């Protein structure tokens, strides 16, 4: 296997695994937040704010995997 092909495959795997984990986490957070809002509509504002913060933290995993895959592609 060529070094260039190995780099491309590694970057693809890095981004795929990071995106899958982040997507599952965000879906779980959003689903549970909507479930909590349906049970207690008076707390919707506070739950929505906390949900947005939690989704931003979960998204950071995908951003880190993007940075690592770009390092694999362009630096190594």
C-alpha atoms as a PDB file:
ATOM      1  CA  UNK A   1       0.000   0.000   0.000  1.00  0.00           C
ATOM      2  CA  UNK A   2       1.199   3.438  -0.911  1.00  0.00           C
ATOM      3  CA  UNK A   3       1.879   5.995   1.842  1.00  0.00           C
ATOM      4  CA  UNK A   4      -0.521   8.463   0.231  1.00  0.00           C
ATOM      5  CA  UNK A   5      -3.311   5.872   0.196  1.00  0.00           C
ATOM      6  CA  UNK A   6      -2.670   5.028   3.843  1.00  0.00           C
ATOM      7  CA  UNK A   7      -2.918   8.712   4.769  1.00  0.00           C
ATOM      8  CA  UNK A   8      -6.223   9.103   2.941  1.00  0.00           C
ATOM      9  CA  UNK A   9      -7.675   5.974   4.535  1.00  0.00           C
ATOM     10  CA  UNK A  10      -6.517   7.054   8.009  1.00  0.00           C
ATOM     11  CA  UNK A  11      -8.027  10.514   7.595  1.00  0.00           C
ATOM     12  CA  UNK A  12     -11.302   8.989   6.396  1.00  0.00           C
ATOM     13  CA  UNK A  13     -11.499   6.582   9.324  1.00  0.00           C
ATOM     14  CA  UNK A  14     -10.670   9.370  11.767  1.00  0.00           C
ATOM     15  CA  UNK A  15     -13.439  11.589  10.449  1.00  0.00           C
ATOM     16  CA  UNK A  16     -15.967   8.746  10.178  1.00  0.00           C
ATOM     17  CA  UNK A  17     -15.490   7.552  13.753  1.00  0.00           C
ATOM     18  CA  UNK A  18     -15.564  11.105  15.115  1.00  0.00           C
ATOM     19  CA  UNK A  19     -18.714  11.980  13.193  1.00  0.00           C
ATOM     20  CA  UNK A  20     -20.545   8.804  14.203  1.00  0.00           C
ATOM     21  CA  UNK A  21     -19.780   9.307  17.888  1.00  0.00           C
ATOM     22  CA  UNK A  22     -20.738  12.953  17.797  1.00  0.00           C
ATOM     23  CA  UNK A  23     -23.950  12.267  15.901  1.00  0.00           C
ATOM     24  CA  UNK A  24     -25.047   9.578  18.323  1.00  0.00           C
ATOM     25  CA  UNK A  25     -24.273  11.789  21.295  1.00  0.00           C
ATOM     26  CA  UNK A  26     -26.145  14.764  19.897  1.00  0.00           C
ATOM     27  CA  UNK A  27     -29.154  12.620  19.041  1.00  0.00           C
ATOM     28  CA  UNK A  28     -29.250  11.170  22.539  1.00  0.00           C
ATOM     29  CA  UNK A  29     -28.952  14.625  24.130  1.00  0.00           C
ATOM     30  CA  UNK A  30     -31.655  16.113  21.916  1.00  0.00           C
ATOM     31  CA  UNK A  31     -34.033  13.211  22.434  1.00  0.00           C
ATOM     32  CA  UNK A  32     -33.709  13.236  26.198  1.00  0.00           C
ATOM     33  CA  UNK A  33     -34.079  17.027  26.326  1.00  0.00           C
ATOM     34  CA  UNK A  34     -37.261  16.914  24.254  1.00  0.00           C
ATOM     35  CA  UNK A  35     -38.573  14.126  26.462  1.00  0.00           C
ATOM     36  CA  UNK A  36     -37.889  16.255  29.543  1.00  0.00           C
ATOM     37  CA  UNK A  37     -39.550  19.284  27.923  1.00  0.00           C
ATOM     38  CA  UNK A  38     -42.636  17.204  27.144  1.00  0.00           C
ATOM     39  CA  UNK A  39     -42.881  16.076  30.762  1.00  0.00           C
ATOM     40  CA  UNK A  40     -42.372  19.537  32.241  1.00  0.00           C
ATOM     41  CA  UNK A  41     -43.137  22.344  29.760  1.00  0.00           C
ATOM     42  CA  UNK A  42     -42.519  25.066  32.346  1.00  0.00           C
ATOM     43  CA  UNK A  43     -38.802  24.216  32.407  1.00  0.00           C
ATOM     44  CA  UNK A  44     -38.447  24.379  28.611  1.00  0.00           C
ATOM     45  CA  UNK A  45     -36.334  27.542  28.546  1.00  0.00           C
ATOM     46  CA  UNK A  46     -33.775  26.247  31.020  1.00  0.00           C
ATOM     47  CA  UNK A  47     -33.709  22.777  29.437  1.00  0.00           C
ATOM     48  CA  UNK A  48     -33.258  24.240  25.955  1.00  0.00           C
ATOM     49  CA  UNK A  49     -30.292  26.340  27.055  1.00  0.00           C
ATOM     50  CA  UNK A  50     -28.663  23.373  28.761  1.00  0.00           C
ATOM     51  CA  UNK A  51     -29.345  21.214  25.702  1.00  0.00           C
ATOM     52  CA  UNK A  52     -27.588  23.694  23.417  1.00  0.00           C
ATOM     53  CA  UNK A  53     -24.527  23.759  25.693  1.00  0.00           C
ATOM     54  CA  UNK A  54     -24.436  19.955  25.869  1.00  0.00           C
ATOM     55  CA  UNK A  55     -24.752  19.627  22.085  1.00  0.00           C
ATOM     56  CA  UNK A  56     -21.903  22.114  21.625  1.00  0.00           C
ATOM     57  CA  UNK A  57     -19.727  20.002  23.922  1.00  0.00           C
ATOM     58  CA  UNK A  58     -20.671  16.835  22.032  1.00  0.00           C
ATOM     59  CA  UNK A  59     -19.886  18.546  18.723  1.00  0.00           C
ATOM     60  CA  UNK A  60     -16.375  19.332  19.914  1.00  0.00           C
ATOM     61  CA  UNK A  61     -15.511  15.653  19.425  1.00  0.00           C
ATOM     62  CA  UNK A  62     -16.286  15.956  15.711  1.00  0.00           C
ATOM     63  CA  UNK A  63     -14.264  19.158  15.490  1.00  0.00           C
ATOM     64  CA  UNK A  64     -11.288  17.450  17.146  1.00  0.00           C
ATOM     65  CA  UNK A  65     -11.518  14.536  14.716  1.00  0.00           C
ATOM     66  CA  UNK A  66     -11.660  17.015  11.824  1.00  0.00           C
ATOM     67  CA  UNK A  67      -8.507  18.729  13.082  1.00  0.00           C
ATOM     68  CA  UNK A  68      -6.720  15.381  13.463  1.00  0.00           C
ATOM     69  CA  UNK A  69      -7.761  14.257   9.992  1.00  0.00           C
ATOM     70  CA  UNK A  70      -6.543  17.552   8.493  1.00  0.00           C
ATOM     71  CA  UNK A  71      -3.233  17.090  10.308  1.00  0.00           C
ATOM     72  CA  UNK A  72      -3.005  13.577   8.871  1.00  0.00           C
ATOM     73  CA  UNK A  73      -3.733  14.879   5.373  1.00  0.00           C
ATOM     74  CA  UNK A  74      -1.554  17.969   5.246  1.00  0.00           C
ATOM     75  CA  UNK A  75       1.177  17.698   7.892  1.00  0.00           C
ATOM     76  CA  UNK A  76       2.198  14.060   8.074  1.00  0.00           C
END
